[in-house]
Protein backbone atom coordinates (compact mmCIF):
# COMPACT_ATOMS: atom_id res chain seq x y z
CA MET A 1 1.84 129.90 12.51
CA ASP A 2 4.91 127.49 12.46
CA THR A 3 7.94 129.28 10.84
CA ARG A 4 10.58 127.02 12.24
CA SER A 5 12.53 125.34 9.62
CA GLY A 6 12.65 121.61 9.91
CA ARG A 7 10.38 119.30 11.73
CA ARG A 8 9.88 119.71 15.46
CA ILE A 9 10.44 116.67 17.77
CA PRO A 10 8.90 116.63 21.11
CA ALA A 11 11.54 116.44 23.91
CA THR A 12 11.57 116.81 27.67
CA ILE A 13 14.92 117.59 29.35
CA ASN A 14 16.37 120.53 31.38
CA ALA A 15 18.95 122.66 29.55
CA THR A 16 21.28 125.35 31.20
CA VAL A 17 20.61 128.66 29.43
CA ARG A 18 23.02 131.65 29.71
CA ILE A 19 22.45 135.06 28.43
CA ASP A 20 25.17 136.06 26.00
CA GLU A 21 27.14 138.86 27.68
CA LYS A 22 28.31 140.19 24.55
CA THR A 23 25.08 140.98 22.76
CA SER A 24 22.59 141.12 25.63
CA GLN A 25 22.48 144.91 25.20
CA GLY A 26 22.07 145.62 28.99
CA PHE A 27 19.44 142.84 29.52
CA HIS A 28 20.00 140.92 32.80
CA LEU A 29 17.81 138.78 35.00
CA ALA A 30 17.29 139.78 38.56
CA LYS A 31 19.58 137.14 40.10
CA LYS A 32 21.87 135.80 37.66
CA ASP A 33 22.33 135.39 33.89
CA SER A 34 22.05 131.56 33.87
CA PHE A 35 19.16 129.54 34.48
CA GLU A 36 17.36 126.15 33.94
CA ALA A 37 14.91 125.74 31.07
CA GLN A 38 12.94 122.70 29.89
CA ILE A 39 13.26 121.86 26.39
CA CYS A 40 9.65 121.06 24.85
CA ASP A 41 10.71 120.57 21.35
CA ILE A 42 13.92 120.64 18.98
CA SER A 43 14.43 120.77 15.41
CA THR A 44 17.73 121.32 13.35
CA GLY A 45 17.00 125.01 13.12
CA GLY A 46 16.09 125.70 16.88
CA VAL A 47 14.57 124.55 20.05
CA GLY A 48 11.29 125.41 22.09
CA LEU A 49 12.06 126.29 25.67
CA ILE A 50 9.93 126.73 28.80
CA ALA A 51 11.16 128.89 31.80
CA VAL A 52 9.85 131.21 34.66
CA PHE A 53 11.40 134.11 32.70
CA ALA A 54 9.95 136.31 29.95
CA LEU A 55 12.81 136.96 27.45
CA PRO A 56 12.79 139.78 24.87
CA LYS A 57 12.74 138.77 21.10
CA GLY A 58 16.25 139.23 19.61
CA LEU A 59 18.10 138.19 22.93
CA ILE A 60 21.15 135.93 22.22
CA LEU A 61 21.43 132.85 24.27
CA ASP A 62 24.09 130.06 25.07
CA ILE A 63 22.09 127.02 25.55
CA GLN A 64 24.02 123.72 27.04
CA ILE A 65 22.03 120.43 26.68
CA PRO A 66 23.28 117.30 28.49
CA GLY A 67 24.80 114.81 26.17
CA THR A 68 22.93 111.87 27.60
CA PHE A 69 19.76 113.40 26.08
CA PHE A 70 21.31 112.54 22.57
CA GLY A 71 22.86 109.42 23.88
CA SER A 72 26.36 111.00 23.91
CA GLY A 73 28.87 111.66 27.04
CA LYS A 74 29.47 115.21 25.58
CA ASP A 75 27.16 118.23 26.20
CA VAL A 76 25.77 119.96 23.34
CA HIS A 77 26.79 123.73 23.27
CA LEU A 78 24.30 125.97 21.02
CA LYS A 79 23.90 129.62 20.49
CA GLY A 80 20.51 130.82 19.51
CA GLU A 81 18.41 134.04 19.08
CA VAL A 82 15.05 134.32 20.95
CA CYS A 83 12.40 134.70 18.04
CA TYR A 84 9.21 134.71 20.31
CA CYS A 85 8.10 134.51 24.01
CA LYS A 86 4.71 134.05 25.34
CA SER A 87 2.93 133.32 28.56
CA TYR A 88 2.47 129.53 29.03
CA GLN A 89 0.68 127.95 31.83
CA VAL A 90 0.68 129.65 35.32
CA GLY A 91 4.19 131.46 36.08
CA ASN A 92 6.06 130.15 32.96
CA TYR A 93 6.78 131.31 29.48
CA LYS A 94 7.43 129.51 26.44
CA PHE A 95 10.09 130.96 23.94
CA GLY A 96 11.43 129.71 20.64
CA VAL A 97 14.98 129.95 19.66
CA LYS A 98 16.62 130.00 16.38
CA PHE A 99 19.98 128.62 16.33
CA ILE A 100 22.44 131.11 14.89
CA GLN A 101 25.83 129.37 15.44
CA ILE A 102 26.01 125.71 15.65
CA GLU A 103 29.30 123.56 15.24
CA LYS A 104 28.97 120.83 12.54
CA GLU A 105 29.57 118.28 15.39
CA TYR A 106 26.43 119.49 17.24
CA SER A 107 24.45 119.85 14.24
CA ASP A 108 25.12 116.24 13.23
CA VAL A 109 24.22 114.96 16.70
CA ILE A 110 20.72 116.97 16.51
CA ALA A 111 20.12 115.71 12.98
CA HIS A 112 20.74 112.12 14.03
CA PHE A 113 18.64 112.22 17.05
CA ILE A 114 15.69 113.73 15.02
CA SER A 115 16.17 111.09 12.31
CA ALA A 116 15.99 108.37 14.73
CA ARG A 117 13.00 109.73 16.37
CA GLU A 118 11.04 110.07 12.98
CA ARG A 119 12.07 106.56 12.09
CA ARG A 120 10.67 105.21 15.46
CA SER A 121 7.49 107.35 14.75
CA ALA A 122 6.92 106.40 11.19
CA PRO A 123 4.00 103.90 10.54
CA ARG A 124 4.95 100.49 9.55
CA LEU A 125 3.77 99.15 6.44
CA ASP A 126 2.71 95.65 6.10
CA ILE A 127 3.68 94.27 2.80
CA PRO A 128 1.88 90.96 1.89
CA GLU A 129 3.94 88.00 0.92
């Protein structure tokens, strides 16, 4: 069941993910609390990520996406909550993250990115003359 608000746009880029220290409630990864994850889709309300770690529902993450992905020189910084995590392929986990704090500047960048992708994928109508 798809419960994410907004249309998901497929994407493939790595993001840097950090566990929010203030809200982690003692959850730590074995080596460090920052890791790389692959974005598999994005919407105005959240992002789908793939990584080698299983993360508990409710964990708060800080996500940094390279600005080049959005056609910008400035990285996008987001805060989100893990909504689900499930096994995905061998040795990987897919987890959904709902944005909980997003600056308007970054919200606008994501909305523009999604809008541009939707326009590109929309079927063209041939109108007879």
